[in-house]
Amino acid sequence: IETSPQEGDCFLKCLTKGDLSTLSWVRGALNPNHINNARLSYCSLNFKDLMIALGRITANVELNRIDEQRALGVEWSGVANDGRRLFGLPFGGALATVADMTVVPPLEVPSNWTLEEAATVPIIYFTVYTAFFVNASIKSGETVLIHSGAGGVGQAALYVAFGYGLEVFTTVGSAEKRE
């Protein structure tokens, strides 16, 4: 993949489903200077992106309100045209140089975080929030079992669980991770 800086709106696309060697930057139609757009600094590559590129799953374009062409990338950080440092979850289209902030409104990056750090936060904490507060309706004093506590989602779940006063049990995949 060409990794030199890209001008304007470009996004990552797998030109031939199933062939990762065809991942390429493609020019898009977003105006980088539009008031509702942000210039992306960091984007994460998630397992879901690989499955879409490999053709094993399809992007839920209708649910995610994204262009099917811009399916790769679920989280980002960057700078809005007014200078605000932002991060967000468009649920598709974040492996790009520009994000449309009207798809899913972004959050401001805390002053003590780097943009690099901010790009690693959205999907894991969204997963924990959904599990704990939408599906399980946790309350202080309850008990929770967190599988794979050494992974990203596991670490976020542990942090939130301790913050809410939960009794925590966790699993890890090795003695090294247990330490």
Protein backbone atom coordinates (compact mmCIF):
# COMPACT_ATOMS: atom_id res chain seq x y z
CA ILE A 1 0.00 0.00 0.00
CA GLU A 2 1.33 3.45 -0.87
CA THR A 3 1.98 5.13 2.47
CA SER A 4 3.11 8.56 1.34
CA PRO A 5 0.87 11.49 2.33
CA GLN A 6 -2.27 11.81 0.23
CA GLU A 7 -3.84 15.11 -0.84
CA GLY A 8 -7.56 15.73 -0.88
CA ASP A 9 -10.03 12.96 -0.11
CA CYS A 10 -8.62 9.45 -0.49
CA PHE A 11 -9.79 6.21 1.04
CA LEU A 12 -8.48 2.66 1.24
CA LYS A 13 -10.25 0.10 -0.91
CA CYS A 14 -9.63 -3.52 -1.78
CA LEU A 15 -9.91 -3.45 -5.58
CA THR A 16 -10.32 -7.24 -5.81
CA LYS A 17 -12.23 -8.85 -2.93
CA GLY A 18 -10.11 -11.55 -1.36
CA ASP A 19 -6.78 -10.21 -2.64
CA LEU A 20 -5.14 -8.00 -0.02
CA SER A 21 -2.37 -7.11 -2.48
CA THR A 22 -4.94 -4.93 -4.27
CA LEU A 23 -5.50 -2.62 -1.28
CA SER A 24 -5.11 0.82 -2.81
CA TRP A 25 -5.75 4.49 -2.14
CA VAL A 26 -8.67 5.71 -4.24
CA ARG A 27 -9.64 9.35 -4.77
CA GLY A 28 -12.99 10.28 -3.27
CA ALA A 29 -15.48 13.10 -3.59
CA LEU A 30 -15.45 14.61 -0.08
CA ASN A 31 -14.32 18.22 0.18
CA PRO A 32 -11.55 18.28 2.81
CA ASN A 33 -12.34 21.94 3.53
CA HIS A 34 -16.09 21.43 4.12
CA ILE A 35 -17.21 22.56 7.59
CA ASN A 36 -18.54 19.05 8.47
CA ASN A 37 -15.36 17.22 7.51
CA ALA A 38 -12.24 16.42 9.52
CA ARG A 39 -8.75 15.66 8.28
CA LEU A 40 -7.79 12.27 9.65
CA SER A 41 -4.50 11.79 11.45
CA TYR A 42 -4.84 8.16 12.61
CA CYS A 43 -7.11 5.29 11.63
CA SER A 44 -7.09 1.78 12.99
CA LEU A 45 -7.21 -1.43 10.99
CA ASN A 46 -9.54 -3.90 12.69
CA PHE A 47 -10.24 -7.58 12.09
CA LYS A 48 -13.61 -6.61 10.57
CA ASP A 49 -11.77 -4.57 7.92
CA LEU A 50 -9.73 -7.62 6.93
CA MET A 51 -12.88 -9.75 6.70
CA ILE A 52 -14.55 -7.15 4.44
CA ALA A 53 -11.44 -6.87 2.23
CA LEU A 54 -11.24 -10.64 1.99
CA GLY A 55 -14.92 -10.82 1.01
CA ARG A 56 -15.81 -13.00 4.00
CA ILE A 57 -18.38 -10.47 5.28
CA THR A 58 -20.06 -7.44 3.77
CA ALA A 59 -20.23 -3.97 5.27
CA ASN A 60 -23.68 -3.12 6.56
CA VAL A 61 -23.93 -0.01 4.41
CA GLU A 62 -27.55 0.83 5.21
CA LEU A 63 -27.17 0.50 8.98
CA ASN A 64 -23.84 2.33 9.04
CA ARG A 65 -24.91 5.05 6.59
CA ILE A 66 -21.72 4.74 4.59
CA ASP A 67 -20.88 4.52 0.92
CA GLU A 68 -20.17 0.87 0.08
CA GLN A 69 -16.95 2.00 -1.61
CA ARG A 70 -15.71 3.45 1.70
CA ALA A 71 -16.31 0.35 3.82
CA LEU A 72 -12.92 -0.01 5.52
CA GLY A 73 -12.07 1.55 8.87
CA VAL A 74 -14.25 1.87 11.96
CA GLU A 75 -12.43 4.43 14.14
CA TRP A 76 -10.31 7.52 13.66
CA SER A 77 -8.77 10.63 15.14
CA GLY A 78 -8.00 13.89 13.45
CA VAL A 79 -8.45 17.63 13.33
CA ALA A 80 -11.62 19.46 12.30
CA ASN A 81 -11.37 22.46 10.00
CA ASP A 82 -11.95 24.72 13.03
CA GLY A 83 -8.88 23.20 14.79
CA ARG A 84 -10.67 20.92 17.28
CA ARG A 85 -8.94 17.58 17.95
CA LEU A 86 -11.57 14.88 17.47
CA PHE A 87 -12.04 11.12 17.45
CA GLY A 88 -14.93 9.01 16.36
CA LEU A 89 -16.67 5.95 15.01
CA PRO A 90 -18.09 6.23 11.53
CA PHE A 91 -18.44 2.40 11.47
CA GLY A 92 -16.89 2.40 8.03
CA GLY A 93 -14.84 4.76 5.94
CA ALA A 94 -12.21 5.69 8.52
CA LEU A 95 -9.28 4.30 6.55
CA ALA A 96 -9.19 7.58 4.68
CA THR A 97 -7.74 11.07 4.69
CA VAL A 98 -11.07 12.82 5.38
CA ALA A 99 -14.09 11.91 7.55
CA ASP A 100 -17.66 13.16 7.22
CA MET A 101 -18.53 14.14 10.80
CA THR A 102 -22.28 14.10 10.11
CA VAL A 103 -22.37 10.28 9.86
CA VAL A 104 -21.65 9.79 13.58
CA PRO A 105 -20.81 12.95 15.56
CA PRO A 106 -17.27 12.76 16.93
CA LEU A 107 -15.99 13.47 20.42
CA GLU A 108 -13.28 15.93 21.43
CA VAL A 109 -9.94 14.36 22.28
CA PRO A 110 -9.05 14.98 25.95
CA SER A 111 -6.13 17.37 26.28
CA ASN A 112 -3.92 14.74 27.94
CA TRP A 113 -4.32 12.27 25.02
CA THR A 114 -2.40 12.20 21.77
CA LEU A 115 -4.30 11.78 18.52
CA GLU A 116 -2.56 8.43 18.17
CA GLU A 117 -3.98 7.27 21.52
CA ALA A 118 -7.44 8.61 20.70
CA ALA A 119 -7.68 6.45 17.55
CA THR A 120 -7.35 3.29 19.70
CA VAL A 121 -10.25 4.07 22.05
CA PRO A 122 -13.64 4.21 20.27
CA ILE A 123 -14.44 0.64 19.25
CA ILE A 124 -13.24 -1.06 22.43
CA TYR A 125 -15.10 1.31 24.73
CA PHE A 126 -18.18 1.26 22.50
CA THR A 127 -18.13 -2.54 22.82
CA VAL A 128 -17.83 -2.34 26.63
CA TYR A 129 -20.53 0.34 26.88
CA THR A 130 -22.93 -1.76 24.79
CA ALA A 131 -22.21 -4.93 26.77
CA PHE A 132 -22.35 -3.38 30.24
CA PHE A 133 -24.98 -0.67 29.96
CA VAL A 134 -27.20 -1.58 26.99
CA ASN A 135 -27.28 -5.38 27.21
CA ALA A 136 -26.50 -6.18 30.86
CA SER A 137 -27.55 -2.99 32.71
CA ILE A 138 -24.76 -3.43 35.26
CA LYS A 139 -24.99 -1.96 38.73
CA SER A 140 -22.38 -1.37 41.40
CA GLY A 141 -21.69 -4.44 43.53
CA GLU A 142 -22.60 -6.99 40.84
CA THR A 143 -20.19 -9.64 39.54
CA VAL A 144 -18.85 -9.77 36.00
CA LEU A 145 -16.78 -12.37 34.12
CA ILE A 146 -14.49 -10.80 31.53
CA HIS A 147 -12.95 -13.19 29.01
CA SER A 148 -9.58 -12.30 27.49
CA GLY A 149 -8.84 -9.66 30.09
CA ALA A 150 -5.39 -8.97 28.61
CA GLY A 151 -6.78 -7.82 25.23
CA GLY A 152 -7.99 -4.36 24.26
CA VAL A 153 -11.69 -4.91 24.99
CA GLY A 154 -10.77 -6.89 28.11
CA GLN A 155 -8.58 -4.10 29.45
CA ALA A 156 -11.32 -1.52 28.79
CA ALA A 157 -13.89 -3.79 30.44
CA LEU A 158 -11.67 -4.19 33.52
CA TYR A 159 -11.17 -0.43 33.80
CA VAL A 160 -14.91 0.27 33.54
CA ALA A 161 -15.83 -2.64 35.85
CA PHE A 162 -13.49 -1.46 38.61
CA GLY A 163 -14.72 2.11 38.10
CA TYR A 164 -18.30 0.94 38.69
CA GLY A 165 -17.42 -1.12 41.75
CA LEU A 166 -18.03 -4.53 40.20
CA GLU A 167 -16.57 -7.75 41.48
CA VAL A 168 -14.41 -8.98 38.62
CA PHE A 169 -13.33 -12.41 37.43
CA THR A 170 -11.27 -12.62 34.26
CA THR A 171 -9.61 -15.14 31.97
CA VAL A 172 -6.39 -14.80 29.98
CA GLY A 173 -4.80 -16.99 27.35
CA SER A 174 -1.41 -17.67 28.94
CA ALA A 175 0.59 -17.53 32.14
CA GLU A 176 2.51 -14.58 30.70
CA LYS A 177 -0.73 -12.64 30.18
CA ARG A 178 -1.84 -13.57 33.68
CA GLU A 179 1.22 -11.84 35.08
